[in-house]
Amino acid sequence: MGVTVLSDMVYRPWSLEGQRIELRSLSDPVPSMDVGLAWARGRPLSKAAAVFRAFMSVALGGGG
């Protein structure tokens, strides 16, 4: 058993084990959350990391 707050984007009505997940709406608004991405200065990003950074920038409104 557990309780979590998920965004609408990641909610689904079943678990990986096939168990039903119940949705309960919150009466109070959920505050926004900051998202950060860090990497080692002076160390080049791998191609995969650079693509991920660009994707996150666009997805979160940074423009790429």
PDB file of N, CA and C in Angstrom:
ATOM      1  N   MET A   1       0.828  -1.160   0.000  1.00  0.00           N
ATOM      2  CA  MET A   1       0.000   0.000   0.000  1.00  0.00           C
ATOM      3  C   MET A   1       0.879   1.231   0.000  1.00  0.00           C
ATOM      4  N   GLY A   2       0.373   2.297  -0.563  1.00  0.00           N
ATOM      5  CA  GLY A   2       1.113   3.544  -0.578  1.00  0.00           C
ATOM      6  C   GLY A   2       0.228   4.679  -1.043  1.00  0.00           C
ATOM      7  N   VAL A   3       0.730   5.862  -0.829  1.00  0.00           N
ATOM      8  CA  VAL A   3       0.031   7.070  -1.252  1.00  0.00           C
ATOM      9  C   VAL A   3       1.051   7.947  -1.965  1.00  0.00           C
ATOM     10  N   THR A   4       0.663   8.537  -3.084  1.00  0.00           N
ATOM     11  CA  THR A   4       1.540   9.440  -3.809  1.00  0.00           C
ATOM     12  C   THR A   4       0.702  10.491  -4.524  1.00  0.00           C
ATOM     13  N   VAL A   5       1.340  11.559  -4.890  1.00  0.00           N
ATOM     14  CA  VAL A   5       0.698  12.588  -5.709  1.00  0.00           C
ATOM     15  C   VAL A   5       1.357  12.512  -7.080  1.00  0.00           C
ATOM     16  N   LEU A   6       0.570  12.223  -8.090  1.00  0.00           N
ATOM     17  CA  LEU A   6       1.069  12.103  -9.462  1.00  0.00           C
ATOM     18  C   LEU A   6       0.414  13.159 -10.337  1.00  0.00           C
ATOM     19  N   SER A   7       1.150  13.609 -11.323  1.00  0.00           N
ATOM     20  CA  SER A   7       0.526  14.504 -12.300  1.00  0.00           C
ATOM     21  C   SER A   7      -0.411  13.681 -13.180  1.00  0.00           C
ATOM     22  N   ASP A   8      -1.345  14.347 -13.825  1.00  0.00           N
ATOM     23  CA  ASP A   8      -2.269  13.656 -14.723  1.00  0.00           C
ATOM     24  C   ASP A   8      -1.528  12.921 -15.835  1.00  0.00           C
ATOM     25  N   MET A   9      -0.349  13.430 -16.188  1.00  0.00           N
ATOM     26  CA  MET A   9       0.409  12.851 -17.295  1.00  0.00           C
ATOM     27  C   MET A   9       0.899  11.427 -16.981  1.00  0.00           C
ATOM     28  N   VAL A  10       1.185  11.110 -15.720  1.00  0.00           N
ATOM     29  CA  VAL A  10       1.743   9.794 -15.407  1.00  0.00           C
ATOM     30  C   VAL A  10       0.744   8.854 -14.737  1.00  0.00           C
ATOM     31  N   TYR A  11      -0.458   9.327 -14.432  1.00  0.00           N
ATOM     32  CA  TYR A  11      -1.459   8.470 -13.793  1.00  0.00           C
ATOM     33  C   TYR A  11      -1.997   7.446 -14.770  1.00  0.00           C
ATOM     34  N   ARG A  12      -2.208   6.233 -14.282  1.00  0.00           N
ATOM     35  CA  ARG A  12      -2.920   5.194 -15.019  1.00  0.00           C
ATOM     36  C   ARG A  12      -3.711   4.389 -13.992  1.00  0.00           C
ATOM     37  N   PRO A  13      -4.824   3.771 -14.375  1.00  0.00           N
ATOM     38  CA  PRO A  13      -5.694   3.117 -13.397  1.00  0.00           C
ATOM     39  C   PRO A  13      -5.262   1.711 -12.980  1.00  0.00           C
ATOM     40  N   TRP A  14      -4.052   1.281 -13.301  1.00  0.00           N
ATOM     41  CA  TRP A  14      -3.580  -0.038 -12.898  1.00  0.00           C
ATOM     42  C   TRP A  14      -2.093   0.025 -12.572  1.00  0.00           C
ATOM     43  N   SER A  15      -1.641  -0.903 -11.744  1.00  0.00           N
ATOM     44  CA  SER A  15      -0.224  -0.988 -11.400  1.00  0.00           C
ATOM     45  C   SER A  15       0.489  -1.903 -12.390  1.00  0.00           C
ATOM     46  N   LEU A  16       1.796  -1.984 -12.278  1.00  0.00           N
ATOM     47  CA  LEU A  16       2.557  -2.902 -13.143  1.00  0.00           C
ATOM     48  C   LEU A  16       2.174  -4.351 -12.886  1.00  0.00           C
ATOM     49  N   GLU A  17       1.669  -4.622 -11.683  1.00  0.00           N
ATOM     50  CA  GLU A  17       1.241  -5.974 -11.324  1.00  0.00           C
ATOM     51  C   GLU A  17      -0.216  -6.243 -11.709  1.00  0.00           C
ATOM     52  N   GLY A  18      -0.876  -5.254 -12.325  1.00  0.00           N
ATOM     53  CA  GLY A  18      -2.255  -5.416 -12.752  1.00  0.00           C
ATOM     54  C   GLY A  18      -3.286  -5.063 -11.692  1.00  0.00           C
ATOM     55  N   GLN A  19      -2.851  -4.513 -10.564  1.00  0.00           N
ATOM     56  CA  GLN A  19      -3.779  -4.126  -9.509  1.00  0.00           C
ATOM     57  C   GLN A  19      -4.384  -2.749  -9.824  1.00  0.00           C
ATOM     58  N   ARG A  20      -5.618  -2.564  -9.406  1.00  0.00           N
ATOM     59  CA  ARG A  20      -6.300  -1.288  -9.644  1.00  0.00           C
ATOM     60  C   ARG A  20      -5.694  -0.187  -8.776  1.00  0.00           C
ATOM     61  N   ILE A  21      -5.498   0.990  -9.359  1.00  0.00           N
ATOM     62  CA  ILE A  21      -5.035   2.169  -8.635  1.00  0.00           C
ATOM     63  C   ILE A  21      -6.200   3.151  -8.595  1.00  0.00           C
ATOM     64  N   GLU A  22      -6.585   3.555  -7.404  1.00  0.00           N
ATOM     65  CA  GLU A  22      -7.703   4.479  -7.266  1.00  0.00           C
ATOM     66  C   GLU A  22      -7.233   5.925  -7.361  1.00  0.00           C
ATOM     67  N   LEU A  23      -8.026   6.730  -7.998  1.00  0.00           N
ATOM     68  CA  LEU A  23      -7.758   8.152  -8.154  1.00  0.00           C
ATOM     69  C   LEU A  23      -8.599   8.923  -7.151  1.00  0.00           C
ATOM     70  N   ARG A  24      -7.965   9.758  -6.377  1.00  0.00           N
ATOM     71  CA  ARG A  24      -8.656  10.642  -5.436  1.00  0.00           C
ATOM     72  C   ARG A  24      -8.225  12.060  -5.752  1.00  0.00           C
ATOM     73  N   SER A  25      -9.177  12.907  -6.047  1.00  0.00           N
ATOM     74  CA  SER A  25      -8.860  14.307  -6.334  1.00  0.00           C
ATOM     75  C   SER A  25      -8.580  15.041  -5.032  1.00  0.00           C
ATOM     76  N   LEU A  26      -7.657  15.983  -5.075  1.00  0.00           N
ATOM     77  CA  LEU A  26      -7.324  16.790  -3.903  1.00  0.00           C
ATOM     78  C   LEU A  26      -8.197  18.029  -3.886  1.00  0.00           C
ATOM     79  N   SER A  27      -8.626  18.409  -2.690  1.00  0.00           N
ATOM     80  CA  SER A  27      -9.452  19.610  -2.596  1.00  0.00           C
ATOM     81  C   SER A  27      -8.608  20.881  -2.620  1.00  0.00           C
ATOM     82  N   ASP A  28      -7.361  20.787  -2.160  1.00  0.00           N
ATOM     83  CA  ASP A  28      -6.453  21.938  -2.178  1.00  0.00           C
ATOM     84  C   ASP A  28      -5.575  21.871  -3.421  1.00  0.00           C
ATOM     85  N   PRO A  29      -5.209  23.008  -3.996  1.00  0.00           N
ATOM     86  CA  PRO A  29      -4.318  22.981  -5.159  1.00  0.00           C
ATOM     87  C   PRO A  29      -2.933  22.462  -4.773  1.00  0.00           C
ATOM     88  N   VAL A  30      -2.317  21.747  -5.687  1.00  0.00           N
ATOM     89  CA  VAL A  30      -0.976  21.227  -5.468  1.00  0.00           C
ATOM     90  C   VAL A  30       0.016  22.284  -5.958  1.00  0.00           C
ATOM     91  N   PRO A  31       0.977  22.683  -5.108  1.00  0.00           N
ATOM     92  CA  PRO A  31       1.935  23.710  -5.543  1.00  0.00           C
ATOM     93  C   PRO A  31       2.829  23.186  -6.665  1.00  0.00           C
ATOM     94  N   SER A  32       3.309  24.108  -7.483  1.00  0.00           N
ATOM     95  CA  SER A  32       4.220  23.718  -8.559  1.00  0.00           C
ATOM     96  C   SER A  32       5.546  23.258  -7.967  1.00  0.00           C
ATOM     97  N   MET A  33       6.291  22.499  -8.759  1.00  0.00           N
ATOM     98  CA  MET A  33       7.586  21.991  -8.314  1.00  0.00           C
ATOM     99  C   MET A  33       8.663  22.441  -9.287  1.00  0.00           C
ATOM    100  N   ASP A  34       9.811  22.812  -8.749  1.00  0.00           N
ATOM    101  CA  ASP A  34      10.952  23.156  -9.586  1.00  0.00           C
ATOM    102  C   ASP A  34      11.651  21.874 -10.039  1.00  0.00           C
ATOM    103  N   VAL A  35      12.176  21.909 -11.249  1.00  0.00           N
ATOM    104  CA  VAL A  35      12.920  20.782 -11.790  1.00  0.00           C
ATOM    105  C   VAL A  35      14.299  21.284 -12.159  1.00  0.00           C
ATOM    106  N   GLY A  36      15.313  20.537 -11.792  1.00  0.00           N
ATOM    107  CA  GLY A  36      16.682  20.940 -12.110  1.00  0.00           C
ATOM    108  C   GLY A  36      17.432  19.807 -12.781  1.00  0.00           C
ATOM    109  N   LEU A  37      18.453  20.169 -13.502  1.00  0.00           N
ATOM    110  CA  LEU A  37      19.316  19.205 -14.165  1.00  0.00           C
ATOM    111  C   LEU A  37      20.745  19.662 -13.947  1.00  0.00           C
ATOM    112  N   ALA A  38      21.590  18.775 -13.463  1.00  0.00           N
ATOM    113  CA  ALA A  38      22.978  19.138 -13.168  1.00  0.00           C
ATOM    114  C   ALA A  38      23.925  18.178 -13.871  1.00  0.00           C
ATOM    115  N   TRP A  39      25.104  18.690 -14.226  1.00  0.00           N
ATOM    116  CA  TRP A  39      26.145  17.852 -14.808  1.00  0.00           C
ATOM    117  C   TRP A  39      27.493  18.429 -14.417  1.00  0.00           C
ATOM    118  N   ALA A  40      28.527  17.638 -14.556  1.00  0.00           N
ATOM    119  CA  ALA A  40      29.865  18.047 -14.131  1.00  0.00           C
ATOM    120  C   ALA A  40      30.422  19.119 -15.064  1.00  0.00           C
ATOM    121  N   ARG A  41      30.873  20.219 -14.472  1.00  0.00           N
ATOM    122  CA  ARG A  41      31.497  21.290 -15.249  1.00  0.00           C
ATOM    123  C   ARG A  41      32.803  20.778 -15.851  1.00  0.00           C
ATOM    124  N   GLY A  42      33.087  21.163 -17.071  1.00  0.00           N
ATOM    125  CA  GLY A  42      34.331  20.778 -17.718  1.00  0.00           C
ATOM    126  C   GLY A  42      34.335  19.363 -18.256  1.00  0.00           C
ATOM    127  N   ARG A  43      33.240  18.668 -18.121  1.00  0.00           N
ATOM    128  CA  ARG A  43      33.143  17.306 -18.646  1.00  0.00           C
ATOM    129  C   ARG A  43      32.072  17.305 -19.730  1.00  0.00           C
ATOM    130  N   PRO A  44      32.414  16.893 -20.938  1.00  0.00           N
ATOM    131  CA  PRO A  44      31.431  16.946 -22.026  1.00  0.00           C
ATOM    132  C   PRO A  44      30.250  16.008 -21.765  1.00  0.00           C
ATOM    133  N   LEU A  45      29.070  16.454 -22.192  1.00  0.00           N
ATOM    134  CA  LEU A  45      27.889  15.607 -22.079  1.00  0.00           C
ATOM    135  C   LEU A  45      27.913  14.537 -23.158  1.00  0.00           C
ATOM    136  N   SER A  46      27.420  13.357 -22.816  1.00  0.00           N
ATOM    137  CA  SER A  46      27.253  12.321 -23.839  1.00  0.00           C
ATOM    138  C   SER A  46      26.153  12.776 -24.789  1.00  0.00           C
ATOM    139  N   LYS A  47      26.082  12.159 -25.940  1.00  0.00           N
ATOM    140  CA  LYS A  47      25.040  12.524 -26.899  1.00  0.00           C
ATOM    141  C   LYS A  47      23.662  12.306 -26.290  1.00  0.00           C
ATOM    142  N   ALA A  48      23.473  11.201 -25.594  1.00  0.00           N
ATOM    143  CA  ALA A  48      22.175  10.916 -24.962  1.00  0.00           C
ATOM    144  C   ALA A  48      21.831  11.983 -23.921  1.00  0.00           C
ATOM    145  N   ALA A  49      22.791  12.386 -23.109  1.00  0.00           N
ATOM    146  CA  ALA A  49      22.549  13.407 -22.092  1.00  0.00           C
ATOM    147  C   ALA A  49      22.220  14.751 -22.737  1.00  0.00           C
ATOM    148  N   ALA A  50      22.896  15.098 -23.826  1.00  0.00           N
ATOM    149  CA  ALA A  50      22.630  16.359 -24.517  1.00  0.00           C
ATOM    150  C   ALA A  50      21.220  16.367 -25.113  1.00  0.00           C
ATOM    151  N   VAL A  51      20.803  15.239 -25.682  1.00  0.00           N
ATOM    152  CA  VAL A  51      19.450  15.125 -26.237  1.00  0.00           C
ATOM    153  C   VAL A  51      18.417  15.242 -25.117  1.00  0.00           C
ATOM    154  N   PHE A  52      18.677  14.594 -23.980  1.00  0.00           N
ATOM    155  CA  PHE A  52      17.768  14.670 -22.842  1.00  0.00           C
ATOM    156  C   PHE A  52      17.667  16.106 -22.324  1.00  0.00           C
ATOM    157  N   ARG A  53      18.808  16.785 -22.224  1.00  0.00           N
ATOM    158  CA  ARG A  53      18.807  18.174 -21.760  1.00  0.00           C
ATOM    159  C   ARG A  53      17.995  19.059 -22.706  1.00  0.00           C
ATOM    160  N   ALA A  54      18.169  18.891 -24.003  1.00  0.00           N
ATOM    161  CA  ALA A  54      17.416  19.677 -24.985  1.00  0.00           C
ATOM    162  C   ALA A  54      15.920  19.372 -24.890  1.00  0.00           C
ATOM    163  N   PHE A  55      15.578  18.100 -24.742  1.00  0.00           N
ATOM    164  CA  PHE A  55      14.175  17.714 -24.624  1.00  0.00           C
ATOM    165  C   PHE A  55      13.545  18.347 -23.388  1.00  0.00           C
ATOM    166  N   MET A  56      14.214  18.252 -22.249  1.00  0.00           N
ATOM    167  CA  MET A  56      13.677  18.814 -21.014  1.00  0.00           C
ATOM    168  C   MET A  56      13.525  20.328 -21.116  1.00  0.00           C
ATOM    169  N   SER A  57      14.457  20.968 -21.770  1.00  0.00           N
ATOM    170  CA  SER A  57      14.378  22.414 -21.940  1.00  0.00           C
ATOM    171  C   SER A  57      13.151  22.807 -22.748  1.00  0.00           C
ATOM    172  N   VAL A  58      12.896  22.091 -23.825  1.00  0.00           N
ATOM    173  CA  VAL A  58      11.721  22.379 -24.655  1.00  0.00           C
ATOM    174  C   VAL A  58      10.445  21.995 -23.916  1.00  0.00           C
ATOM    175  N   ALA A  59      10.442  20.819 -23.286  1.00  0.00           N
ATOM    176  CA  ALA A  59       9.243  20.328 -22.602  1.00  0.00           C
ATOM    177  C   ALA A  59       8.846  21.237 -21.441  1.00  0.00           C
ATOM    178  N   LEU A  60       9.817  21.864 -20.796  1.00  0.00           N
ATOM    179  CA  LEU A  60       9.529  22.694 -19.641  1.00  0.00           C
ATOM    180  C   LEU A  60       9.536  24.181 -19.963  1.00  0.00           C
ATOM    181  N   GLY A  61       9.559  24.513 -21.244  1.00  0.00           N
ATOM    182  CA  GLY A  61       9.414  25.910 -21.641  1.00  0.00           C
ATOM    183  C   GLY A  61      10.685  26.696 -21.788  1.00  0.00           C
ATOM    184  N   GLY A  62      11.840  26.040 -21.778  1.00  0.00           N
ATOM    185  CA  GLY A  62      13.100  26.757 -21.917  1.00  0.00           C
ATOM    186  C   GLY A  62      13.469  27.053 -23.354  1.00  0.00           C
ATOM    187  N   GLY A  63      12.826  26.417 -24.296  1.00  0.00           N
ATOM    188  CA  GLY A  63      13.058  26.711 -25.699  1.00  0.00           C
ATOM    189  C   GLY A  63      14.158  25.921 -26.361  1.00  0.00           C
ATOM    190  N   GLY A  64      14.899  25.107 -25.642  1.00  0.00           N
ATOM    191  CA  GLY A  64      15.913  24.270 -26.269  1.00  0.00           C
ATOM    192  C   GLY A  64      17.250  24.873 -26.151  1.00  0.00           C
TER     193      GLY A  64
END
